[in-house]
Amino acid sequence: MSFSNQDQNHGNGGPKMPDFKPGTVKKLVIGIASAIIILFVGSSSYYTVQEQERAAILTFGKYSHESSAGLHFKWPYPIQQVITVPAELTQRIHIGYRVEGTTSVEVEEEAMMITGDENIVSADAVVQWKISNIRDYLFNIDNPEQFLRNAASSSIRAVIGSEKLDYAITDGKTVIQDKVREKLLELQTKYNTGIQIIDIKFQDIEPPSGQVTEAFREVTNAREEKNTKINNAAKYENDLIPKARGEAQALLENAEGEKKSRILNAEGDVAQFNAIYTEYKNNPNVTESRLILETLEKILPNAQIFITNANSDTVNYLPLNELMRSGSNSSATSTKPPATTAPEGGAAQ
């Protein structure tokens, strides 16, 4: 009994392998490898930089240039390589504590420090920084964040170690911040780290917990109360002094006005006196009589006036007041009688 090759293959339980021409398998392997290489080269010939990033381009492992946000093309790996860093992002590191979710965990080995008067103090700070030079940031320091943490901790310890505890936990917090920032900037410049220090803020500068903390808290409260009273006194002074100056200026101006008024009145009196004196020199008797009558008119406004002749034994009566009054009533122009000049030897009563 005989079987065909097909029946034998079915009897073996597997499909029949197709027959290939010599070299076909080799070409197929080369084609697949070529496709893989093309896909790899194509995918490594472009790259994307996000908005808060910048990219450093390395050509044969050496820094060549930078690129900003967007889609860019490059030579495929290993000719060129791209390293992206968050250069446009402001970052933070915490000194003396770590933030885990919504809670803060103290790191005592960073927070505990010794002051200049050999007291222990706990200091927590936040350093804000960003990358200013990508080349220096990537190639001048091995671990930038750890370097910055060590530099910040060293600067804080150096500054607090030169200050007294009382000053550090009360009035000196702002001054210490400025000094620490200056030292931190000096370190970044000295080692060319490519890191820009934006700011440093102390969260707390306080003695260790316990009775010492309570005692210093009372000292701090007393200082704050003292400063409050000083500020209130300064405010009262600032309110009172300008008011007093204004009143003094008003008094000076009133005195100056009174001075000018008296001078002008005196000058007017002098001018009047000179005018009368000139008339007196020209007609002494007439002027004297007029002055007497004017004076009597002022001091005795209701007196009756009689004109007589002193050389005659007969009293000649001239009712001057009645005549003037009747004349005034008829004219209805004035209620005041005109000044009367008495002749020589006349009398007025």
C-alpha atoms as a PDB file:
ATOM      1  CA  MET A   1       0.000   0.000   0.000  1.00  0.00           C
ATOM      2  CA  SER A   2       1.394   3.393  -0.951  1.00  0.00           C
ATOM      3  CA  PHE A   3       0.690   6.983   0.194  1.00  0.00           C
ATOM      4  CA  SER A   4       1.347  10.306  -1.450  1.00  0.00           C
ATOM      5  CA  ASN A   5       3.544  13.021   0.015  1.00  0.00           C
ATOM      6  CA  GLN A   6       0.420  15.029   0.830  1.00  0.00           C
ATOM      7  CA  ASP A   7      -1.064  12.184   2.744  1.00  0.00           C
ATOM      8  CA  GLN A   8       2.237  11.701   4.537  1.00  0.00           C
ATOM      9  CA  ASN A   9       2.336  15.399   5.552  1.00  0.00           C
ATOM     10  CA  HIS A  10      -1.235  15.188   6.832  1.00  0.00           C
ATOM     11  CA  GLY A  11      -0.288  12.103   8.647  1.00  0.00           C
ATOM     12  CA  ASN A  12       2.564  14.026  10.318  1.00  0.00           C
ATOM     13  CA  GLY A  13      -0.025  16.560  11.669  1.00  0.00           C
ATOM     14  CA  GLY A  14       1.466  19.835  10.214  1.00  0.00           C
ATOM     15  CA  PRO A  15       1.089  22.051   7.161  1.00  0.00           C
ATOM     16  CA  LYS A  16       3.504  21.795   4.342  1.00  0.00           C
ATOM     17  CA  MET A  17       6.278  24.447   4.360  1.00  0.00           C
ATOM     18  CA  PRO A  18       6.354  26.551   1.187  1.00  0.00           C
ATOM     19  CA  ASP A  19       9.295  26.120  -1.075  1.00  0.00           C
ATOM     20  CA  PHE A  20      11.565  29.238  -1.325  1.00  0.00           C
ATOM     21  CA  LYS A  21      14.044  30.019  -3.966  1.00  0.00           C
ATOM     22  CA  PRO A  22      17.657  30.175  -2.888  1.00  0.00           C
ATOM     23  CA  GLY A  23      18.454  33.631  -1.250  1.00  0.00           C
ATOM     24  CA  THR A  24      14.823  34.566  -0.612  1.00  0.00           C
ATOM     25  CA  VAL A  25      15.067  34.146   3.160  1.00  0.00           C
ATOM     26  CA  LYS A  26      18.222  36.243   3.269  1.00  0.00           C
ATOM     27  CA  LYS A  27      16.555  39.072   1.363  1.00  0.00           C
ATOM     28  CA  LEU A  28      13.526  38.919   3.627  1.00  0.00           C
ATOM     29  CA  VAL A  29      15.686  39.225   6.767  1.00  0.00           C
ATOM     30  CA  ILE A  30      17.603  42.146   5.284  1.00  0.00           C
ATOM     31  CA  GLY A  31      14.335  43.913   4.363  1.00  0.00           C
ATOM     32  CA  ILE A  32      12.921  43.543   7.848  1.00  0.00           C
ATOM     33  CA  ALA A  33      16.154  44.786   9.421  1.00  0.00           C
ATOM     34  CA  SER A  34      16.234  47.743   7.042  1.00  0.00           C
ATOM     35  CA  ALA A  35      12.647  48.654   7.915  1.00  0.00           C
ATOM     36  CA  ILE A  36      13.471  48.539  11.623  1.00  0.00           C
ATOM     37  CA  ILE A  37      16.538  50.732  11.101  1.00  0.00           C
ATOM     38  CA  ILE A  38      14.551  53.233   9.035  1.00  0.00           C
ATOM     39  CA  LEU A  39      11.840  53.422  11.682  1.00  0.00           C
ATOM     40  CA  PHE A  40      14.447  53.920  14.419  1.00  0.00           C
ATOM     41  CA  VAL A  41      16.326  56.582  12.484  1.00  0.00           C
ATOM     42  CA  GLY A  42      13.112  58.365  11.580  1.00  0.00           C
ATOM     43  CA  SER A  43      11.806  58.367  15.134  1.00  0.00           C
ATOM     44  CA  SER A  44      15.123  59.672  16.496  1.00  0.00           C
ATOM     45  CA  SER A  45      15.416  62.466  13.937  1.00  0.00           C
ATOM     46  CA  TYR A  46      12.853  64.760  15.562  1.00  0.00           C
ATOM     47  CA  TYR A  47      12.017  65.754  19.123  1.00  0.00           C
ATOM     48  CA  THR A  48       9.521  67.947  20.977  1.00  0.00           C
ATOM     49  CA  VAL A  49      10.314  70.517  23.671  1.00  0.00           C
ATOM     50  CA  GLN A  50       7.505  71.509  26.055  1.00  0.00           C
ATOM     51  CA  GLU A  51       6.659  75.098  26.977  1.00  0.00           C
ATOM     52  CA  GLN A  52       8.486  75.083  30.347  1.00  0.00           C
ATOM     53  CA  GLU A  53      11.509  73.219  28.976  1.00  0.00           C
ATOM     54  CA  ARG A  54      14.633  73.871  26.985  1.00  0.00           C
ATOM     55  CA  ALA A  55      16.736  71.273  25.248  1.00  0.00           C
ATOM     56  CA  ALA A  56      20.498  70.816  25.044  1.00  0.00           C
ATOM     57  CA  ILE A  57      21.764  69.167  21.854  1.00  0.00           C
ATOM     58  CA  LEU A  58      24.850  66.946  22.150  1.00  0.00           C
ATOM     59  CA  THR A  59      26.759  66.126  18.985  1.00  0.00           C
ATOM     60  CA  PHE A  60      28.891  63.019  19.462  1.00  0.00           C
ATOM     61  CA  GLY A  61      28.485  63.546  23.209  1.00  0.00           C
ATOM     62  CA  LYS A  62      29.638  67.182  23.126  1.00  0.00           C
ATOM     63  CA  TYR A  63      27.376  70.165  23.841  1.00  0.00           C
ATOM     64  CA  SER A  64      26.620  72.032  20.608  1.00  0.00           C
ATOM     65  CA  HIS A  65      23.533  74.245  21.009  1.00  0.00           C
ATOM     66  CA  GLU A  66      20.137  74.720  22.658  1.00  0.00           C
ATOM     67  CA  SER A  67      16.563  74.815  21.420  1.00  0.00           C
ATOM     68  CA  SER A  68      13.362  76.253  22.846  1.00  0.00           C
ATOM     69  CA  ALA A  69       9.780  74.966  22.960  1.00  0.00           C
ATOM     70  CA  GLY A  70       8.375  73.359  19.824  1.00  0.00           C
ATOM     71  CA  LEU A  71       9.044  70.553  17.320  1.00  0.00           C
ATOM     72  CA  HIS A  72      12.662  70.259  16.136  1.00  0.00           C
ATOM     73  CA  PHE A  73      14.754  67.972  13.934  1.00  0.00           C
ATOM     74  CA  LYS A  74      18.243  66.597  14.530  1.00  0.00           C
ATOM     75  CA  TRP A  75      20.673  64.008  13.342  1.00  0.00           C
ATOM     76  CA  PRO A  76      19.681  60.509  14.458  1.00  0.00           C
ATOM     77  CA  TYR A  77      21.251  58.810  17.429  1.00  0.00           C
ATOM     78  CA  PRO A  78      24.149  58.311  18.092  1.00  0.00           C
ATOM     79  CA  ILE A  79      25.204  61.360  16.060  1.00  0.00           C
ATOM     80  CA  GLN A  80      23.112  63.740  18.120  1.00  0.00           C
ATOM     81  CA  GLN A  81      21.395  63.359  21.473  1.00  0.00           C
ATOM     82  CA  VAL A  82      18.809  65.587  23.202  1.00  0.00           C
ATOM     83  CA  ILE A  83      18.599  66.349  26.930  1.00  0.00           C
ATOM     84  CA  THR A  84      15.594  68.393  28.065  1.00  0.00           C
ATOM     85  CA  VAL A  85      15.498  70.274  31.370  1.00  0.00           C
ATOM     86  CA  PRO A  86      12.735  72.435  32.980  1.00  0.00           C
ATOM     87  CA  ALA A  87      14.660  75.659  32.442  1.00  0.00           C
ATOM     88  CA  GLU A  88      11.571  77.919  32.347  1.00  0.00           C
ATOM     89  CA  LEU A  89      10.076  76.490  35.544  1.00  0.00           C
ATOM     90  CA  THR A  90      10.605  78.023  38.991  1.00  0.00           C
ATOM     91  CA  GLN A  91      11.458  75.190  41.372  1.00  0.00           C
ATOM     92  CA  ARG A  92      11.642  74.878  45.159  1.00  0.00           C
ATOM     93  CA  ILE A  93      13.670  72.927  47.652  1.00  0.00           C
ATOM     94  CA  HIS A  94      12.893  72.703  51.360  1.00  0.00           C
ATOM     95  CA  ILE A  95      15.608  72.972  53.995  1.00  0.00           C
ATOM     96  CA  GLY A  96      14.865  71.481  57.412  1.00  0.00           C
ATOM     97  CA  TYR A  97      11.666  69.700  56.403  1.00  0.00           C
ATOM     98  CA  ARG A  98       9.991  67.793  53.558  1.00  0.00           C
ATOM     99  CA  VAL A  99       6.476  68.084  52.224  1.00  0.00           C
ATOM    100  CA  GLU A 100       4.650  64.776  51.871  1.00  0.00           C
ATOM    101  CA  GLY A 101       1.209  65.367  50.462  1.00  0.00           C
ATOM    102  CA  THR A 102      -0.463  67.900  52.721  1.00  0.00           C
ATOM    103  CA  THR A 103       1.798  67.360  55.744  1.00  0.00           C
ATOM    104  CA  SER A 104       5.289  68.564  56.623  1.00  0.00           C
ATOM    105  CA  VAL A 105       7.894  66.251  58.105  1.00  0.00           C
ATOM    106  CA  GLU A 106      10.823  67.790  59.975  1.00  0.00           C
ATOM    107  CA  VAL A 107      14.361  66.760  59.053  1.00  0.00           C
ATOM    108  CA  GLU A 108      16.296  67.393  62.248  1.00  0.00           C
ATOM    109  CA  GLU A 109      19.778  66.925  60.805  1.00  0.00           C
ATOM    110  CA  GLU A 110      19.087  69.870  58.483  1.00  0.00           C
ATOM    111  CA  ALA A 111      16.987  72.004  60.823  1.00  0.00           C
ATOM    112  CA  MET A 112      19.118  71.948  63.992  1.00  0.00           C
ATOM    113  CA  MET A 113      21.879  74.568  64.053  1.00  0.00           C
ATOM    114  CA  ILE A 114      24.146  76.315  66.568  1.00  0.00           C
ATOM    115  CA  THR A 115      24.055  80.084  66.990  1.00  0.00           C
ATOM    116  CA  GLY A 116      26.987  82.378  67.676  1.00  0.00           C
ATOM    117  CA  ASP A 117      26.312  82.303  71.435  1.00  0.00           C
ATOM    118  CA  GLU A 118      26.331  78.465  71.410  1.00  0.00           C
ATOM    119  CA  ASN A 119      22.588  77.903  71.596  1.00  0.00           C
ATOM    120  CA  ILE A 120      20.615  75.426  69.509  1.00  0.00           C
ATOM    121  CA  VAL A 121      18.041  76.741  67.090  1.00  0.00           C
ATOM    122  CA  SER A 122      15.738  75.108  64.551  1.00  0.00           C
ATOM    123  CA  ALA A 123      15.560  76.798  61.131  1.00  0.00           C
ATOM    124  CA  ASP A 124      13.283  75.880  58.218  1.00  0.00           C
ATOM    125  CA  ALA A 125      13.602  77.562  54.844  1.00  0.00           C
ATOM    126  CA  VAL A 126      12.368  77.416  51.253  1.00  0.00           C
ATOM    127  CA  VAL A 127      14.702  78.188  48.340  1.00  0.00           C
ATOM    128  CA  GLN A 128      13.209  79.242  44.997  1.00  0.00           C
ATOM    129  CA  TRP A 129      15.448  78.675  41.986  1.00  0.00           C
ATOM    130  CA  LYS A 130      15.519  78.055  38.256  1.00  0.00           C
ATOM    131  CA  ILE A 131      18.006  77.016  35.597  1.00  0.00           C
ATOM    132  CA  SER A 132      19.772  79.978  34.025  1.00  0.00           C
ATOM    133  CA  ASN A 133      22.521  78.197  32.010  1.00  0.00           C
ATOM    134  CA  ILE A 134      21.788  74.702  30.685  1.00  0.00           C
ATOM    135  CA  ARG A 135      25.392  73.921  29.752  1.00  0.00           C
ATOM    136  CA  ASP A 136      26.747  74.727  33.222  1.00  0.00           C
ATOM    137  CA  TYR A 137      23.802  73.003  34.863  1.00  0.00           C
ATOM    138  CA  LEU A 138      24.404  69.731  32.979  1.00  0.00           C
ATOM    139  CA  PHE A 139      28.197  69.547  32.928  1.00  0.00           C
ATOM    140  CA  ASN A 140      29.597  71.529  35.900  1.00  0.00           C
ATOM    141  CA  ILE A 141      27.752  69.760  38.720  1.00  0.00           C
ATOM    142  CA  ASP A 142      26.872  66.096  39.081  1.00  0.00           C
ATOM    143  CA  ASN A 143      23.662  66.324  41.116  1.00  0.00           C
ATOM    144  CA  PRO A 144      22.327  69.905  40.859  1.00  0.00           C
ATOM    145  CA  GLU A 145      19.495  69.597  43.364  1.00  0.00           C
ATOM    146  CA  GLN A 146      21.660  67.938  46.006  1.00  0.00           C
ATOM    147  CA  PHE A 147      24.387  70.511  45.431  1.00  0.00           C
ATOM    148  CA  LEU A 148      21.866  73.322  45.911  1.00  0.00           C
ATOM    149  CA  ARG A 149      20.501  71.712  49.072  1.00  0.00           C
ATOM    150  CA  ASN A 150      24.000  71.366  50.530  1.00  0.00           C
ATOM    151  CA  ALA A 151      24.923  74.919  49.522  1.00  0.00           C
ATOM    152  CA  ALA A 152      21.751  76.364  51.074  1.00  0.00           C
ATOM    153  CA  SER A 153      22.214  74.400  54.300  1.00  0.00           C
ATOM    154  CA  SER A 154      25.859  75.477  54.504  1.00  0.00           C
ATOM    155  CA  SER A 155      24.975  79.152  53.938  1.00  0.00           C
ATOM    156  CA  ILE A 156      22.245  79.091  56.583  1.00  0.00           C
ATOM    157  CA  ARG A 157      24.549  77.473  59.137  1.00  0.00           C
ATOM    158  CA  ALA A 158      27.315  79.969  58.411  1.00  0.00           C
ATOM    159  CA  VAL A 159      25.060  83.002  58.897  1.00  0.00           C
ATOM    160  CA  ILE A 160      23.150  81.737  61.944  1.00  0.00           C
ATOM    161  CA  GLY A 161      26.437  80.594  63.479  1.00  0.00           C
ATOM    162  CA  SER A 162      27.564  84.228  63.545  1.00  0.00           C
ATOM    163  CA  GLU A 163      24.385  85.617  65.150  1.00  0.00           C
ATOM    164  CA  LYS A 164      23.013  85.441  68.693  1.00  0.00           C
ATOM    165  CA  LEU A 165      19.916  83.391  69.425  1.00  0.00           C
ATOM    166  CA  ASP A 166      17.914  86.343  70.744  1.00  0.00           C
ATOM    167  CA  TYR A 167      18.545  88.333  67.571  1.00  0.00           C
ATOM    168  CA  ALA A 168      17.951  85.370  65.246  1.00  0.00           C
ATOM    169  CA  ILE A 169      14.472  84.569  66.564  1.00  0.00           C
ATOM    170  CA  THR A 170      13.261  88.167  66.903  1.00  0.00           C
ATOM    171  CA  ASP A 171      14.433  91.130  64.837  1.00  0.00           C
ATOM    172  CA  GLY A 172      17.133  89.471  62.736  1.00  0.00           C
ATOM    173  CA  LYS A 173      15.073  87.144  60.558  1.00  0.00           C
ATOM    174  CA  THR A 174      14.975  89.451  57.528  1.00  0.00           C
ATOM    175  CA  VAL A 175      18.661  90.370  57.856  1.00  0.00           C
ATOM    176  CA  ILE A 176      19.631  86.689  58.111  1.00  0.00           C
ATOM    177  CA  GLN A 177      17.580  85.920  54.982  1.00  0.00           C
ATOM    178  CA  ASP A 178      19.447  88.581  53.000  1.00  0.00           C
ATOM    179  CA  LYS A 179      22.854  87.360  54.203  1.00  0.00           C
ATOM    180  CA  VAL A 180      22.029  83.722  53.368  1.00  0.00           C
ATOM    181  CA  ARG A 181      20.871  84.733  49.891  1.00  0.00           C
ATOM    182  CA  GLU A 182      24.131  86.620  49.267  1.00  0.00           C
ATOM    183  CA  LYS A 183      26.246  83.621  50.348  1.00  0.00           C
ATOM    184  CA  LEU A 184      24.160  81.273  48.219  1.00  0.00           C
ATOM    185  CA  LEU A 185      24.615  83.506  45.176  1.00  0.00           C
ATOM    186  CA  GLU A 186      28.374  83.584  45.784  1.00  0.00           C
ATOM    187  CA  LEU A 187      28.516  79.764  45.771  1.00  0.00           C
ATOM    188  CA  GLN A 188      26.539  79.513  42.525  1.00  0.00           C
ATOM    189  CA  THR A 189      28.839  82.053  40.884  1.00  0.00           C
ATOM    190  CA  LYS A 190      31.992  80.413  42.229  1.00  0.00           C
ATOM    191  CA  TYR A 191      31.166  76.934  40.896  1.00  0.00           C
ATOM    192  CA  ASN A 192      29.316  78.050  37.720  1.00  0.00           C
ATOM    193  CA  THR A 193      26.345  75.836  38.508  1.00  0.00           C
ATOM    194  CA  GLY A 194      23.974  77.445  36.011  1.00  0.00           C
ATOM    195  CA  ILE A 195      21.441  77.879  38.832  1.00  0.00           C
ATOM    196  CA  GLN A 196      19.703  81.203  39.466  1.00  0.00           C
ATOM    197  CA  ILE A 197      18.610  81.858  43.064  1.00  0.00           C
ATOM    198  CA  ILE A 198      15.309  83.734  42.985  1.00  0.00           C
ATOM    199  CA  ASP A 199      14.596  83.967  46.697  1.00  0.00           C
ATOM    200  CA  ILE A 200      14.973  82.290  50.074  1.00  0.00           C
ATOM    201  CA  LYS A 201      12.351  82.506  52.819  1.00  0.00           C
ATOM    202  CA  PHE A 202      12.596  81.253  56.400  1.00  0.00           C
ATOM    203  CA  GLN A 203       9.464  79.511  57.629  1.00  0.00           C
ATOM    204  CA  ASP A 204      10.573  79.328  61.267  1.00  0.00           C
ATOM    205  CA  ILE A 205      13.618  80.233  63.321  1.00  0.00           C
ATOM    206  CA  GLU A 206      12.964  79.094  66.875  1.00  0.00           C
ATOM    207  CA  PRO A 207      14.641  77.279  69.765  1.00  0.00           C
ATOM    208  CA  PRO A 208      13.910  73.568  70.341  1.00  0.00           C
ATOM    209  CA  SER A 209      10.535  72.691  71.849  1.00  0.00           C
ATOM    210  CA  GLY A 210      10.043  72.785  75.611  1.00  0.00           C
ATOM    211  CA  GLN A 211      10.422  75.399  78.334  1.00  0.00           C
ATOM    212  CA  VAL A 212      13.018  77.267  76.313  1.00  0.00           C
ATOM    213  CA  THR A 213      10.537  77.770  73.490  1.00  0.00           C
ATOM    214  CA  GLU A 214       7.906  79.142  75.855  1.00  0.00           C
ATOM    215  CA  ALA A 215      10.395  81.547  77.438  1.00  0.00           C
ATOM    216  CA  PHE A 216      11.544  82.873  74.079  1.00  0.00           C
ATOM    217  CA  ARG A 217       7.955  83.131  72.898  1.00  0.00           C
ATOM    218  CA  GLU A 218       7.266  85.431  75.839  1.00  0.00           C
ATOM    219  CA  VAL A 219      10.328  87.465  74.915  1.00  0.00           C
ATOM    220  CA  THR A 220       9.108  87.703  71.332  1.00  0.00           C
ATOM    221  CA  ASN A 221       5.640  88.793  72.442  1.00  0.00           C
ATOM    222  CA  ALA A 222       7.167  91.458  74.685  1.00  0.00           C
ATOM    223  CA  ARG A 223       9.261  92.759  71.798  1.00  0.00           C
ATOM    224  CA  GLU A 224       6.253  92.868  69.524  1.00  0.00           C
ATOM    225  CA  GLU A 225       4.265  94.762  72.162  1.00  0.00           C
ATOM    226  CA  LYS A 226       7.173  97.176  72.549  1.00  0.00           C
ATOM    227  CA  ASN A 227       7.334  97.742  68.791  1.00  0.00           C
ATOM    228  CA  THR A 228       3.563  98.267  68.702  1.00  0.00           C
ATOM    229  CA  LYS A 229       3.758 100.949  71.380  1.00  0.00           C
ATOM    230  CA  ILE A 230       6.684 102.605  69.628  1.00  0.00           C
ATOM    231  CA  ASN A 231       4.729 102.661  66.375  1.00  0.00           C
ATOM    232  CA  ASN A 232       1.662 104.107  68.109  1.00  0.00           C
ATOM    233  CA  ALA A 233       3.804 106.802  69.735  1.00  0.00           C
ATOM    234  CA  ALA A 234       5.387 107.616  66.393  1.00  0.00           C
ATOM    235  CA  LYS A 235       1.934 107.835  64.818  1.00  0.00           C
ATOM    236  CA  TYR A 236       0.762 110.210  67.587  1.00  0.00           C
ATOM    237  CA  GLU A 237       3.911 112.276  67.088  1.00  0.00           C
ATOM    238  CA  ASN A 238       3.334 112.432  63.350  1.00  0.00           C
ATOM    239  CA  ASP A 239      -0.231 113.591  63.940  1.00  0.00           C
ATOM    240  CA  LEU A 240       0.594 116.149  66.645  1.00  0.00           C
ATOM    241  CA  ILE A 241       3.691 117.827  65.233  1.00  0.00           C
ATOM    242  CA  PRO A 242       2.174 118.874  61.878  1.00  0.00           C
ATOM    243  CA  LYS A 243      -0.897 120.222  63.702  1.00  0.00           C
ATOM    244  CA  ALA A 244       1.284 122.223  66.097  1.00  0.00           C
ATOM    245  CA  ARG A 245       3.358 123.500  63.200  1.00  0.00           C
ATOM    246  CA  GLY A 246       0.180 124.563  61.424  1.00  0.00           C
ATOM    247  CA  GLU A 247      -1.080 126.425  64.476  1.00  0.00           C
ATOM    248  CA  ALA A 248       2.295 128.108  64.931  1.00  0.00           C
ATOM    249  CA  GLN A 249       2.302 129.147  61.292  1.00  0.00           C
ATOM    250  CA  ALA A 250      -1.216 130.537  61.665  1.00  0.00           C
ATOM    251  CA  LEU A 251      -0.136 132.568  64.694  1.00  0.00           C
ATOM    252  CA  LEU A 252       2.848 133.906  62.790  1.00  0.00           C
ATOM    253  CA  GLU A 253       0.687 134.861  59.834  1.00  0.00           C
ATOM    254  CA  ASN A 254      -1.874 136.570  62.112  1.00  0.00           C
ATOM    255  CA  ALA A 255       0.910 138.460  63.866  1.00  0.00           C
ATOM    256  CA  GLU A 256       2.352 139.484  60.518  1.00  0.00           C
ATOM    257  CA  GLY A 257      -1.073 140.682  59.390  1.00  0.00           C
ATOM    258  CA  GLU A 258      -1.559 142.636  62.627  1.00  0.00           C
ATOM    259  CA  LYS A 259       1.886 144.142  62.201  1.00  0.00           C
ATOM    260  CA  LYS A 260       1.135 145.303  58.662  1.00  0.00           C
ATOM    261  CA  SER A 261      -2.275 146.632  59.734  1.00  0.00           C
ATOM    262  CA  ARG A 262      -0.773 148.722  62.538  1.00  0.00           C
ATOM    263  CA  ILE A 263       1.962 150.028  60.281  1.00  0.00           C
ATOM    264  CA  LEU A 264      -0.591 151.086  57.659  1.00  0.00           C
ATOM    265  CA  ASN A 265      -2.801 152.722  60.307  1.00  0.00           C
ATOM    266  CA  ALA A 266       0.183 154.558  61.755  1.00  0.00           C
ATOM    267  CA  GLU A 267       1.226 155.713  58.314  1.00  0.00           C
ATOM    268  CA  GLY A 268      -2.362 156.952  57.723  1.00  0.00           C
ATOM    269  CA  ASP A 269      -2.355 158.812  61.048  1.00  0.00           C
ATOM    270  CA  VAL A 270       0.985 160.402  60.219  1.00  0.00           C
ATOM    271  CA  ALA A 271      -0.284 161.500  56.819  1.00  0.00           C
ATOM    272  CA  GLN A 272      -3.445 162.943  58.394  1.00  0.00           C
ATOM    273  CA  PHE A 273      -1.420 164.747  61.042  1.00  0.00           C
ATOM    274  CA  ASN A 274       0.928 166.198  58.443  1.00  0.00           C
ATOM    275  CA  ALA A 275      -2.049 167.440  56.407  1.00  0.00           C
ATOM    276  CA  ILE A 276      -3.604 169.100  59.449  1.00  0.00           C
ATOM    277  CA  TYR A 277      -0.271 170.583  60.464  1.00  0.00           C
ATOM    278  CA  THR A 278       0.141 172.092  57.005  1.00  0.00           C
ATOM    279  CA  GLU A 279      -3.282 173.756  57.297  1.00  0.00           C
ATOM    280  CA  TYR A 280      -2.478 174.851  60.841  1.00  0.00           C
ATOM    281  CA  LYS A 281       0.649 176.663  59.683  1.00  0.00           C
ATOM    282  CA  ASN A 282      -1.365 178.472  57.050  1.00  0.00           C
ATOM    283  CA  ASN A 283      -4.336 179.445  59.353  1.00  0.00           C
ATOM    284  CA  PRO A 284      -3.575 178.639  62.979  1.00  0.00           C
ATOM    285  CA  ASN A 285      -6.700 180.207  64.491  1.00  0.00           C
ATOM    286  CA  VAL A 286      -9.188 178.747  62.050  1.00  0.00           C
ATOM    287  CA  THR A 287      -7.644 175.327  62.207  1.00  0.00           C
ATOM    288  CA  GLU A 288      -7.526 175.419  66.003  1.00  0.00           C
ATOM    289  CA  SER A 289     -11.192 176.400  66.219  1.00  0.00           C
ATOM    290  CA  ARG A 290     -12.157 173.670  63.727  1.00  0.00           C
ATOM    291  CA  LEU A 291     -10.260 171.067  65.659  1.00  0.00           C
ATOM    292  CA  ILE A 292     -11.934 172.143  68.893  1.00  0.00           C
ATOM    293  CA  LEU A 293     -15.402 171.927  67.361  1.00  0.00           C
ATOM    294  CA  GLU A 294     -14.701 168.569  65.745  1.00  0.00           C
ATOM    295  CA  THR A 295     -13.442 167.251  69.041  1.00  0.00           C
ATOM    296  CA  LEU A 296     -16.510 168.524  70.889  1.00  0.00           C
ATOM    297  CA  GLU A 297     -18.727 166.985  68.232  1.00  0.00           C
ATOM    298  CA  LYS A 298     -17.099 163.625  68.827  1.00  0.00           C
ATOM    299  CA  ILE A 299     -17.145 163.660  72.624  1.00  0.00           C
ATOM    300  CA  LEU A 300     -20.502 165.540  72.985  1.00  0.00           C
ATOM    301  CA  PRO A 301     -22.630 164.501  70.030  1.00  0.00           C
ATOM    302  CA  ASN A 302     -25.924 165.713  71.702  1.00  0.00           C
ATOM    303  CA  ALA A 303     -24.680 169.088  72.951  1.00  0.00           C
ATOM    304  CA  GLN A 304     -26.560 172.311  72.075  1.00  0.00           C
ATOM    305  CA  ILE A 305     -24.518 174.987  70.317  1.00  0.00           C
ATOM    306  CA  PHE A 306     -24.889 178.733  71.122  1.00  0.00           C
ATOM    307  CA  ILE A 307     -22.910 181.523  69.465  1.00  0.00           C
ATOM    308  CA  THR A 308     -22.471 184.761  71.466  1.00  0.00           C
ATOM    309  CA  ASN A 309     -20.362 187.816  71.348  1.00  0.00           C
ATOM    310  CA  ALA A 310     -18.179 187.993  74.372  1.00  0.00           C
ATOM    311  CA  ASN A 311     -17.547 191.736  73.983  1.00  0.00           C
ATOM    312  CA  SER A 312     -21.254 192.724  74.308  1.00  0.00           C
ATOM    313  CA  ASP A 313     -23.252 193.007  77.472  1.00  0.00           C
ATOM    314  CA  THR A 314     -26.344 191.870  75.622  1.00  0.00           C
ATOM    315  CA  VAL A 315     -26.587 188.110  75.066  1.00  0.00           C
ATOM    316  CA  ASN A 316     -27.231 187.533  71.420  1.00  0.00           C
ATOM    317  CA  TYR A 317     -28.906 184.187  71.064  1.00  0.00           C
ATOM    318  CA  LEU A 318     -28.729 182.268  67.827  1.00  0.00           C
ATOM    319  CA  PRO A 319     -30.682 178.945  67.992  1.00  0.00           C
ATOM    320  CA  LEU A 320     -28.298 177.198  65.724  1.00  0.00           C
ATOM    321  CA  ASN A 321     -29.389 173.682  66.658  1.00  0.00           C
ATOM    322  CA  GLU A 322     -33.076 174.344  65.960  1.00  0.00           C
ATOM    323  CA  LEU A 323     -32.277 175.975  62.645  1.00  0.00           C
ATOM    324  CA  MET A 324     -30.077 173.086  61.623  1.00  0.00           C
ATOM    325  CA  ARG A 325     -32.672 170.561  62.762  1.00  0.00           C
ATOM    326  CA  SER A 326     -35.466 172.263  60.860  1.00  0.00           C
ATOM    327  CA  GLY A 327     -33.304 172.529  57.800  1.00  0.00           C
ATOM    328  CA  SER A 328     -32.432 168.872  58.107  1.00  0.00           C
ATOM    329  CA  ASN A 329     -36.088 167.844  58.373  1.00  0.00           C
ATOM    330  CA  SER A 330     -37.040 169.918  55.361  1.00  0.00           C
ATOM    331  CA  SER A 331     -34.302 168.526  53.186  1.00  0.00           C
ATOM    332  CA  ALA A 332     -34.553 164.967  54.642  1.00  0.00           C
ATOM    333  CA  THR A 333     -31.104 164.298  53.343  1.00  0.00           C
ATOM    334  CA  SER A 334     -29.100 164.017  56.527  1.00  0.00           C
ATOM    335  CA  THR A 335     -29.764 163.610  60.261  1.00  0.00           C
ATOM    336  CA  LYS A 336     -26.355 164.875  61.253  1.00  0.00           C
ATOM    337  CA  PRO A 337     -25.784 168.651  61.534  1.00  0.00           C
ATOM    338  CA  PRO A 338     -22.811 170.029  59.698  1.00  0.00           C
ATOM    339  CA  ALA A 339     -19.721 171.058  61.565  1.00  0.00           C
ATOM    340  CA  THR A 340     -19.905 174.691  62.762  1.00  0.00           C
ATOM    341  CA  THR A 341     -16.991 177.016  62.878  1.00  0.00           C
ATOM    342  CA  ALA A 342     -17.276 179.577  65.641  1.00  0.00           C
ATOM    343  CA  PRO A 343     -15.802 183.046  65.150  1.00  0.00           C
ATOM    344  CA  GLU A 344     -13.076 184.316  67.332  1.00  0.00           C
ATOM    345  CA  GLY A 345     -14.416 184.866  70.804  1.00  0.00           C
ATOM    346  CA  GLY A 346     -17.387 182.467  70.248  1.00  0.00           C
ATOM    347  CA  ALA A 347     -18.269 179.664  72.633  1.00  0.00           C
ATOM    348  CA  ALA A 348     -19.817 176.252  72.254  1.00  0.00           C
ATOM    349  CA  GLN A 349     -21.581 174.359  74.992  1.00  0.00           C
END
